[in-house]
Amino acid sequence: MKKNTEFGRNLLRIRLEKGMTQKELADKAGLNTNALAKLERGVNEPGWPVVLAVCAALGVSCSAFGGLAEESTVPAAEQKRGRGRPKKGSDTPEGKGKAK
């Protein structure tokens, strides 16, 4: 069942416009390739930490994905759940400065 096809279509389009492979984007965003593929297909819905990590890795704002509010922080409810968190030590807002 498709959950978030608009996000996935935009993710795929932007990744291809940037000339990145799934592996390159996944590594840069601190995700695994399978998780990224599921996001692009709309199988999985991303949490805010993942959205922010993907936006940072692609060098775009959240508004590039359409329908997403321009956010610079993770909402408190998402922080408590820890849902969709990128790998620790990745070059994301949560992992900046940490060794890989």
Protein backbone atom coordinates (compact mmCIF):
# COMPACT_ATOMS: atom_id res chain seq x y z
CA MET A 1 0.00 0.00 0.00
CA LYS A 2 1.38 3.40 -1.01
CA LYS A 3 1.57 5.87 1.85
CA ASN A 4 3.33 8.97 0.60
CA THR A 5 3.66 8.89 -3.15
CA GLU A 6 4.08 12.68 -3.53
CA PHE A 7 7.13 12.72 -1.26
CA GLY A 8 8.56 9.67 -3.01
CA ARG A 9 8.04 11.07 -6.52
CA ASN A 10 9.65 14.35 -5.52
CA LEU A 11 12.52 12.55 -3.81
CA LEU A 12 13.22 10.50 -6.93
CA ARG A 13 12.95 13.55 -9.22
CA ILE A 14 15.27 15.70 -7.11
CA ARG A 15 17.81 12.89 -6.64
CA LEU A 16 17.96 12.33 -10.41
CA GLU A 17 18.21 16.09 -11.07
CA LYS A 18 21.21 16.15 -8.72
CA GLY A 19 22.74 13.20 -10.59
CA MET A 20 22.95 11.03 -7.47
CA THR A 21 22.51 7.29 -7.16
CA GLN A 22 20.37 5.84 -4.38
CA LYS A 23 23.54 4.63 -2.67
CA GLU A 24 25.19 8.06 -2.83
CA LEU A 25 22.14 9.78 -1.37
CA ALA A 26 21.56 7.10 1.25
CA ASP A 27 25.18 7.33 2.42
CA LYS A 28 25.11 11.12 2.53
CA ALA A 29 21.79 11.18 4.41
CA GLY A 30 22.80 8.42 6.84
CA LEU A 31 20.17 5.96 5.61
CA ASN A 32 20.43 2.50 4.14
CA THR A 33 19.71 2.02 0.45
CA ASN A 34 16.65 -0.18 1.03
CA ALA A 35 15.04 2.47 3.25
CA LEU A 36 15.66 5.14 0.62
CA ALA A 37 14.20 2.93 -2.13
CA LYS A 38 11.05 2.38 -0.04
CA LEU A 39 10.71 6.14 0.48
CA GLU A 40 10.97 6.74 -3.27
CA ARG A 41 8.32 4.10 -3.99
CA GLY A 42 6.00 5.53 -1.34
CA VAL A 43 6.05 2.32 0.69
CA ASN A 44 7.39 4.02 3.84
CA GLU A 45 6.54 7.42 5.22
CA PRO A 46 9.51 9.43 6.54
CA GLY A 47 9.73 10.98 9.99
CA TRP A 48 11.03 14.54 10.34
CA PRO A 49 14.61 13.48 11.11
CA VAL A 50 14.72 11.57 7.82
CA VAL A 51 13.10 14.43 5.87
CA LEU A 52 15.67 16.87 7.27
CA ALA A 53 18.57 14.50 6.58
CA VAL A 54 17.45 13.92 2.98
CA CYS A 55 16.95 17.66 2.40
CA ALA A 56 20.42 18.40 3.79
CA ALA A 57 22.01 15.65 1.69
CA LEU A 58 20.30 16.96 -1.46
CA GLY A 59 21.01 20.60 -0.61
CA VAL A 60 17.34 21.62 -0.83
CA SER A 61 14.75 23.02 1.56
CA CYS A 62 11.79 20.97 2.75
CA SER A 63 9.54 23.06 0.50
CA ALA A 64 11.15 21.35 -2.53
CA PHE A 65 9.07 18.30 -1.64
CA GLY A 66 5.76 20.16 -1.85
CA GLY A 67 3.19 20.14 0.91
CA LEU A 68 5.83 20.13 3.64
CA ALA A 69 6.16 23.07 5.98
CA GLU A 70 9.46 24.91 6.00
CA GLU A 71 10.99 23.46 9.18
CA SER A 72 14.45 23.71 10.61
CA THR A 73 13.92 21.58 13.70
CA VAL A 74 12.34 18.25 14.49
CA PRO A 75 8.92 18.58 16.19
CA ALA A 76 8.97 17.51 19.84
CA ALA A 77 6.57 14.61 19.23
CA GLU A 78 8.96 13.14 16.64
CA GLN A 79 11.96 13.52 18.97
CA LYS A 80 10.18 11.56 21.69
CA ARG A 81 9.23 8.73 19.35
CA GLY A 82 12.63 8.66 17.65
CA ARG A 83 10.84 7.62 14.49
CA GLY A 84 12.79 7.40 11.26
CA ARG A 85 16.04 8.55 12.79
CA PRO A 86 19.14 8.57 10.53
CA LYS A 87 22.17 6.50 11.50
CA LYS A 88 24.25 8.02 14.32
CA GLY A 89 27.36 9.81 13.22
CA SER A 90 25.93 10.72 9.82
CA ASP A 91 26.40 14.22 8.49
CA THR A 92 22.89 15.32 9.44
CA PRO A 93 21.61 17.93 11.88
CA GLU A 94 21.57 15.22 14.58
CA GLY A 95 25.02 13.84 13.78
CA LYS A 96 27.12 16.86 12.83
CA GLY A 97 30.60 16.72 14.19
CA LYS A 98 30.40 13.11 15.29
CA ALA A 99 32.90 10.62 13.93
CA LYS A 100 31.59 7.94 11.59
